[in-house]
Amino acid sequence: MKVEFAPINIPLKRRIQTVAVLQWIFSFLLLAEFCCGFFVILILGNFWFLAVLYLLWLYLDWETPCTGGRRSQWVRSWTVWKYFREYFPIHLIKTSDLSPNHNYLLGFHPHGVLVAGAFGNFCTGPSFKNLFPGLTPYLHIMPIWFGCPFFREYIMSAGMVSASKESVSYVLSNEGGGHASIIVIGGAEESLNAHPGSLTLNILKRKGFIKMALKHGAHLVPVFSFGENELFKQVANPKGSWLRNVQEKLQKIMGFALPLFHARGVFQYSFGLIPYRQPIHTVVGSPIPVKRNLNPTTEEIEQLHALYLQKLRKLFEEHKRNYGIPEHKSLIFE
């Protein structure tokens, strides 16, 4: 394989952008493991009492990820996130006003490999606040990450909270409105479909978010992130292949998927784990009004789910030409 090296005279700003994305990759893939290892060292070393104090704190603070988290505007405004967003770059596109008098459940599609668009738009910078004043975004992620010592504090500071039913219910129960739950509907399973050009969404069997919206009267908002699947290449894993079977079994055991992805490196463009510089345009659709229903029937859930799929497809079709999607390409729901 011929290696394509980066030019020597690349502007300093682009170098800083690459470093910013590199630290994000480290945070996403290795920081949790590093924090757990550090905690074990504390327990086994001379500073075991610090580990005991932290365990006490963990016990007292265990429910925080399910009760709105503990965000830090300082962390969300770090300069490193500005360079992170500029690397791709990441854009948030508004198509309709969202009144702060309501609570909203935003369905984010697709998952991609590392959900870069969701993190960049809803956990960093001022874009969401500027476009939707009066709304506070909460990005829901797998509960397992909030069991990692120290790492949990870091991700909560960025505005991430648990994806458990209790957590979503807490966010959407805010009287007076002003809360926006962001849920990556396809989940970890969908990351296995995150190949460049893929438009397959795992959504036909995912109706829990519909039931949650009905129970709380939260307006549904479809969100499609164009470019999300173009950031990495993945080892071929068609359904039925031995690799896909192993990945799906591991996902059921561990709760998260393990896509075998690759892209570019720091000083060369041929291999590595740094995403390609591909623009991400996260388009926020119009809200679907939802009337509160504490005990929705199966038929009512099915009807609202079908309407959501219709609105999501319409959002994609109306904007795909703007972001390089061929006219004949459409979303595939699985």
Protein backbone atom coordinates (compact mmCIF):
# COMPACT_ATOMS: atom_id res chain seq x y z
CA MET A 1 0.00 0.00 0.00
CA LYS A 2 1.35 3.40 -1.00
CA VAL A 3 1.44 5.84 1.92
CA GLU A 4 0.36 9.42 1.22
CA PHE A 5 2.15 11.78 3.61
CA ALA A 6 0.81 15.17 4.65
CA PRO A 7 2.59 18.23 3.18
CA ILE A 8 5.15 19.92 5.43
CA ASN A 9 3.79 23.43 4.87
CA ILE A 10 0.31 22.82 6.33
CA PRO A 11 -0.98 25.93 8.17
CA LEU A 12 -0.61 25.84 11.96
CA LYS A 13 -4.38 26.18 12.41
CA ARG A 14 -4.99 22.91 10.57
CA ARG A 15 -2.36 21.19 12.72
CA ILE A 16 -4.14 22.40 15.85
CA GLN A 17 -7.46 21.12 14.46
CA THR A 18 -5.91 17.69 13.95
CA VAL A 19 -4.56 17.64 17.51
CA ALA A 20 -8.01 18.65 18.81
CA VAL A 21 -9.61 15.70 16.99
CA LEU A 22 -6.83 13.40 18.18
CA GLN A 23 -7.61 14.19 21.83
CA TRP A 24 -11.32 13.59 21.10
CA ILE A 25 -10.49 10.16 19.65
CA PHE A 26 -8.40 9.41 22.75
CA SER A 27 -11.25 10.54 25.01
CA PHE A 28 -13.78 8.43 23.13
CA LEU A 29 -11.73 5.24 22.81
CA LEU A 30 -9.24 5.16 25.70
CA LEU A 31 -9.98 7.72 28.40
CA ALA A 32 -12.51 5.53 30.24
CA GLU A 33 -10.03 2.64 30.38
CA PHE A 34 -7.26 5.03 31.47
CA CYS A 35 -9.46 6.39 34.28
CA CYS A 36 -10.34 2.88 35.48
CA GLY A 37 -6.66 1.94 35.46
CA PHE A 38 -5.76 5.06 37.42
CA PHE A 39 -8.45 4.20 39.98
CA VAL A 40 -6.98 0.69 40.42
CA ILE A 41 -3.52 2.23 40.93
CA LEU A 42 -4.94 4.47 43.66
CA ILE A 43 -6.49 1.47 45.42
CA LEU A 44 -3.30 -0.61 45.26
CA GLY A 45 -0.90 2.24 46.01
CA ASN A 46 -0.19 4.58 48.87
CA PHE A 47 -3.15 6.79 48.01
CA TRP A 48 -5.83 4.17 48.63
CA PHE A 49 -7.64 6.58 50.95
CA LEU A 50 -8.33 8.84 47.95
CA ALA A 51 -9.95 5.90 46.19
CA VAL A 52 -12.08 5.23 49.27
CA LEU A 53 -13.19 8.87 49.39
CA TYR A 54 -14.06 8.73 45.70
CA LEU A 55 -16.06 5.52 46.23
CA LEU A 56 -18.04 7.33 48.90
CA TRP A 57 -18.63 10.20 46.47
CA LEU A 58 -19.67 7.71 43.76
CA TYR A 59 -22.20 6.16 46.12
CA LEU A 60 -23.70 9.53 47.03
CA ASP A 61 -23.64 10.79 43.43
CA TRP A 62 -24.73 7.59 41.66
CA GLU A 63 -28.11 8.90 40.50
CA THR A 64 -26.85 12.20 39.06
CA PRO A 65 -26.49 10.89 35.45
CA CYS A 66 -30.22 10.01 35.64
CA THR A 67 -31.28 13.33 37.13
CA GLY A 68 -30.02 15.82 34.58
CA GLY A 69 -26.30 15.33 35.08
CA ARG A 70 -23.88 18.06 36.09
CA ARG A 71 -22.86 20.19 33.10
CA SER A 72 -20.07 22.73 33.10
CA GLN A 73 -20.32 25.66 30.72
CA TRP A 74 -16.58 26.10 31.15
CA VAL A 75 -15.84 22.59 29.81
CA ARG A 76 -18.39 22.94 27.01
CA SER A 77 -16.69 26.19 25.95
CA TRP A 78 -13.10 24.93 25.85
CA THR A 79 -11.18 26.34 22.89
CA VAL A 80 -10.18 22.81 21.88
CA TRP A 81 -13.82 22.14 20.89
CA LYS A 82 -13.77 25.12 18.53
CA TYR A 83 -10.83 23.56 16.67
CA PHE A 84 -12.53 20.15 16.84
CA ARG A 85 -15.64 21.49 15.08
CA GLU A 86 -13.58 23.39 12.51
CA TYR A 87 -11.62 20.26 11.54
CA PHE A 88 -14.53 18.65 9.66
CA PRO A 89 -16.22 21.26 9.87
CA ILE A 90 -19.43 20.59 11.86
CA HIS A 91 -22.54 22.70 11.19
CA LEU A 92 -25.96 22.81 12.87
CA ILE A 93 -28.82 23.68 10.51
CA LYS A 94 -32.14 25.03 11.77
CA THR A 95 -35.31 24.50 9.71
CA SER A 96 -37.93 25.60 12.24
CA ASP A 97 -38.26 27.42 15.54
CA LEU A 98 -38.50 25.32 18.72
CA SER A 99 -40.45 27.15 21.41
CA PRO A 100 -38.81 27.04 24.85
CA ASN A 101 -42.30 26.54 26.30
CA HIS A 102 -42.20 22.86 25.37
CA ASN A 103 -39.92 19.90 26.02
CA TYR A 104 -38.58 18.06 22.99
CA LEU A 105 -37.25 14.64 22.11
CA LEU A 106 -34.79 14.91 19.24
CA GLY A 107 -34.14 11.68 17.34
CA PHE A 108 -30.58 11.80 15.96
CA HIS A 109 -29.72 9.84 12.78
CA PRO A 110 -27.47 8.15 11.79
CA HIS A 111 -25.25 6.90 14.60
CA GLY A 112 -22.10 6.85 12.46
CA VAL A 113 -19.01 5.32 14.03
CA LEU A 114 -18.39 7.82 16.85
CA VAL A 115 -21.43 10.16 16.74
CA ALA A 116 -19.23 13.19 15.99
CA GLY A 117 -22.11 15.42 14.86
CA ALA A 118 -24.15 14.87 18.01
CA PHE A 119 -21.20 15.55 20.28
CA GLY A 120 -19.98 18.60 18.37
CA ASN A 121 -23.39 20.25 18.10
CA PHE A 122 -25.04 19.37 21.41
CA CYS A 123 -22.11 19.11 23.85
CA THR A 124 -19.79 21.90 22.71
CA GLY A 125 -19.96 25.49 21.55
CA PRO A 126 -22.75 28.05 21.27
CA SER A 127 -24.49 26.90 18.06
CA PHE A 128 -27.47 25.15 19.68
CA LYS A 129 -28.02 27.93 22.21
CA ASN A 130 -27.85 30.60 19.50
CA LEU A 131 -30.24 28.81 17.15
CA PHE A 132 -32.67 27.60 19.81
CA PRO A 133 -32.59 30.12 22.68
CA GLY A 134 -34.20 28.96 25.88
CA LEU A 135 -33.59 25.26 25.24
CA THR A 136 -31.07 23.12 27.14
CA PRO A 137 -29.79 20.05 25.23
CA TYR A 138 -29.12 16.71 26.97
CA LEU A 139 -27.28 14.06 24.94
CA HIS A 140 -28.24 10.60 26.21
CA ILE A 141 -25.55 7.91 26.05
CA MET A 142 -25.22 4.33 27.31
CA PRO A 143 -25.47 4.06 31.12
CA ILE A 144 -22.35 1.85 31.31
CA TRP A 145 -20.06 4.88 30.83
CA PHE A 146 -21.30 6.48 34.04
CA GLY A 147 -19.86 3.59 36.03
CA CYS A 148 -16.30 4.55 35.04
CA PRO A 149 -14.51 6.45 37.84
CA PHE A 150 -13.52 10.04 36.97
CA PHE A 151 -14.59 9.56 33.33
CA ARG A 152 -18.22 9.97 34.39
CA GLU A 153 -17.45 13.44 35.75
CA TYR A 154 -15.86 14.45 32.46
CA ILE A 155 -18.72 13.34 30.21
CA MET A 156 -21.36 14.81 32.52
CA SER A 157 -19.55 18.15 32.42
CA ALA A 158 -20.10 18.19 28.65
CA GLY A 159 -23.86 17.76 29.09
CA MET A 160 -24.15 14.02 28.59
CA VAL A 161 -26.60 12.00 30.67
CA SER A 162 -27.73 8.39 30.87
CA ALA A 163 -29.95 6.91 28.17
CA SER A 164 -31.96 4.99 30.76
CA LYS A 165 -35.75 5.40 30.86
CA GLU A 166 -35.47 7.16 34.22
CA SER A 167 -33.02 9.69 32.80
CA VAL A 168 -35.05 10.50 29.69
CA SER A 169 -38.18 10.75 31.82
CA TYR A 170 -36.45 13.18 34.21
CA VAL A 171 -35.35 15.49 31.38
CA LEU A 172 -38.76 15.48 29.68
CA SER A 173 -40.62 16.07 32.95
CA ASN A 174 -39.38 19.65 33.29
CA GLU A 175 -42.40 21.82 34.05
CA GLY A 176 -42.57 24.85 31.84
CA GLY A 177 -40.53 23.22 29.06
CA GLY A 178 -37.09 24.25 27.84
CA HIS A 179 -35.46 20.79 27.81
CA ALA A 180 -34.34 18.84 24.74
CA SER A 181 -33.46 15.16 25.01
CA ILE A 182 -31.19 14.01 22.18
CA ILE A 183 -31.32 10.26 21.59
CA VAL A 184 -29.30 8.45 18.93
CA ILE A 185 -32.16 6.20 17.87
CA GLY A 186 -30.16 3.56 15.99
CA GLY A 187 -27.91 2.93 18.97
CA ALA A 188 -24.69 0.94 18.99
CA GLU A 189 -26.08 -1.62 16.54
CA GLU A 190 -26.38 1.02 13.83
CA SER A 191 -22.66 1.83 14.02
CA LEU A 192 -22.00 -1.51 12.29
CA ASN A 193 -23.75 -0.08 9.21
CA ALA A 194 -21.68 3.13 9.24
CA HIS A 195 -19.95 2.70 5.88
CA PRO A 196 -19.41 5.66 3.51
CA GLY A 197 -22.54 6.12 1.43
CA SER A 198 -24.70 3.99 3.73
CA LEU A 199 -28.23 5.28 4.37
CA THR A 200 -29.51 2.35 6.41
CA LEU A 201 -31.15 3.25 9.72
CA ASN A 202 -32.06 0.80 12.50
CA ILE A 203 -35.42 2.23 13.48
CA LEU A 204 -38.37 -0.02 12.57
CA LYS A 205 -38.27 -1.90 15.88
CA ARG A 206 -37.22 1.07 18.00
CA LYS A 207 -40.38 2.52 19.47
CA GLY A 208 -39.42 3.16 23.09
CA PHE A 209 -38.67 6.82 22.31
CA ILE A 210 -42.14 7.19 20.81
CA LYS A 211 -43.75 5.84 23.97
CA MET A 212 -41.61 8.15 26.09
CA ALA A 213 -42.63 11.19 24.01
CA LEU A 214 -46.31 10.28 24.38
CA LYS A 215 -46.09 9.76 28.14
CA HIS A 216 -44.56 13.20 28.64
CA GLY A 217 -46.18 15.12 25.82
CA ALA A 218 -42.72 15.91 24.45
CA HIS A 219 -42.71 17.12 20.86
CA LEU A 220 -40.74 14.86 18.51
CA VAL A 221 -38.05 16.36 16.27
CA PRO A 222 -36.27 14.29 13.58
CA VAL A 223 -32.59 15.18 13.11
CA PHE A 224 -30.43 13.95 10.24
CA SER A 225 -26.66 14.43 10.25
CA PHE A 226 -25.40 14.49 6.66
CA GLY A 227 -21.77 13.32 6.41
CA GLU A 228 -21.81 11.30 9.63
CA ASN A 229 -21.10 8.02 7.84
CA GLU A 230 -18.34 9.50 5.66
CA LEU A 231 -15.80 10.05 8.45
CA PHE A 232 -14.37 6.52 8.58
CA LYS A 233 -14.04 3.41 6.48
CA GLN A 234 -15.00 0.10 8.02
CA VAL A 235 -13.82 -3.44 7.40
CA ALA A 236 -16.47 -5.10 5.21
CA ASN A 237 -19.05 -6.74 7.50
CA PRO A 238 -22.17 -7.58 5.48
CA LYS A 239 -25.03 -9.19 7.37
CA GLY A 240 -24.50 -12.93 7.66
CA SER A 241 -20.70 -12.68 7.46
CA TRP A 242 -18.61 -14.24 10.23
CA LEU A 243 -17.32 -10.81 11.27
CA ARG A 244 -20.83 -9.34 11.55
CA ASN A 245 -22.01 -12.36 13.54
CA VAL A 246 -19.11 -11.95 16.00
CA GLN A 247 -19.74 -8.18 16.29
CA GLU A 248 -23.44 -8.69 16.98
CA LYS A 249 -22.76 -11.35 19.61
CA LEU A 250 -20.20 -9.12 21.34
CA GLN A 251 -22.66 -6.22 21.23
CA LYS A 252 -25.31 -8.31 22.99
CA ILE A 253 -22.81 -9.33 25.68
CA MET A 254 -21.12 -5.96 26.28
CA GLY A 255 -23.91 -3.56 25.38
CA PHE A 256 -21.88 -1.66 22.79
CA ALA A 257 -20.68 -2.47 19.28
CA LEU A 258 -17.09 -2.82 18.04
CA PRO A 259 -16.91 -1.55 14.45
CA LEU A 260 -13.48 -2.17 12.90
CA PHE A 261 -12.92 1.31 11.47
CA HIS A 262 -9.97 3.21 10.07
CA ALA A 263 -9.28 6.49 8.30
CA ARG A 264 -6.08 8.62 8.34
CA GLY A 265 -3.18 9.41 10.64
CA VAL A 266 -1.59 12.58 11.98
CA PHE A 267 1.20 12.94 9.40
CA GLN A 268 -0.16 10.75 6.60
CA TYR A 269 -3.52 10.18 4.93
CA SER A 270 -3.42 6.44 4.25
CA PHE A 271 -4.19 4.75 7.57
CA GLY A 272 -4.98 5.57 11.20
CA LEU A 273 -7.91 6.31 13.50
CA ILE A 274 -8.32 10.04 12.88
CA PRO A 275 -11.50 10.77 10.87
CA TYR A 276 -11.35 12.19 7.37
CA ARG A 277 -11.97 15.90 6.92
CA GLN A 278 -15.54 15.57 5.72
CA PRO A 279 -18.16 18.24 6.47
CA ILE A 280 -21.00 17.31 8.82
CA HIS A 281 -24.31 19.12 8.44
CA THR A 282 -26.72 18.25 11.23
CA VAL A 283 -30.19 19.31 10.11
CA VAL A 284 -32.82 19.79 12.83
CA GLY A 285 -36.32 19.22 11.44
CA SER A 286 -39.69 20.68 12.36
CA PRO A 287 -41.34 19.53 15.58
CA ILE A 288 -44.14 16.96 15.56
CA PRO A 289 -46.69 18.05 18.20
CA VAL A 290 -47.39 15.29 20.72
CA LYS A 291 -50.31 15.31 23.17
CA ARG A 292 -49.58 13.83 26.57
CA ASN A 293 -50.88 10.30 27.00
CA LEU A 294 -49.86 8.45 30.17
CA ASN A 295 -51.08 5.08 28.87
CA PRO A 296 -50.67 5.00 25.09
CA THR A 297 -52.03 1.98 23.26
CA THR A 298 -49.97 -0.07 20.84
CA GLU A 299 -51.96 1.42 17.99
CA GLU A 300 -51.24 4.98 19.13
CA ILE A 301 -47.52 4.21 19.39
CA GLU A 302 -47.53 2.65 15.93
CA GLN A 303 -49.33 5.65 14.42
CA LEU A 304 -46.91 8.19 15.89
CA HIS A 305 -43.94 6.01 14.91
CA ALA A 306 -45.18 5.89 11.31
CA LEU A 307 -45.62 9.69 11.31
CA TYR A 308 -42.10 10.14 12.68
CA LEU A 309 -40.66 7.94 9.90
CA GLN A 310 -42.60 9.95 7.33
CA LYS A 311 -41.25 13.26 8.67
CA LEU A 312 -37.70 11.90 8.89
CA ARG A 313 -37.81 10.74 5.28
CA LYS A 314 -39.23 14.09 4.20
CA LEU A 315 -36.44 15.94 6.03
CA PHE A 316 -33.82 13.81 4.27
CA GLU A 317 -35.39 14.21 0.81
CA GLU A 318 -35.70 17.99 1.15
CA HIS A 319 -32.02 18.48 2.08
CA LYS A 320 -30.08 15.65 0.42
CA ARG A 321 -29.28 17.65 -2.73
CA ASN A 322 -27.58 20.33 -0.62
CA TYR A 323 -25.10 17.81 0.77
CA GLY A 324 -24.09 15.72 -2.22
CA ILE A 325 -26.56 12.84 -1.95
CA PRO A 326 -27.57 11.57 -5.44
CA GLU A 327 -31.21 12.06 -6.39
CA HIS A 328 -31.89 8.31 -6.65
CA LYS A 329 -30.63 7.59 -3.11
CA SER A 330 -33.13 7.29 -0.26
CA LEU A 331 -33.19 6.21 3.36
CA ILE A 332 -33.53 2.50 4.12
CA PHE A 333 -35.38 1.67 7.33
CA GLU A 334 -34.60 -1.64 9.05
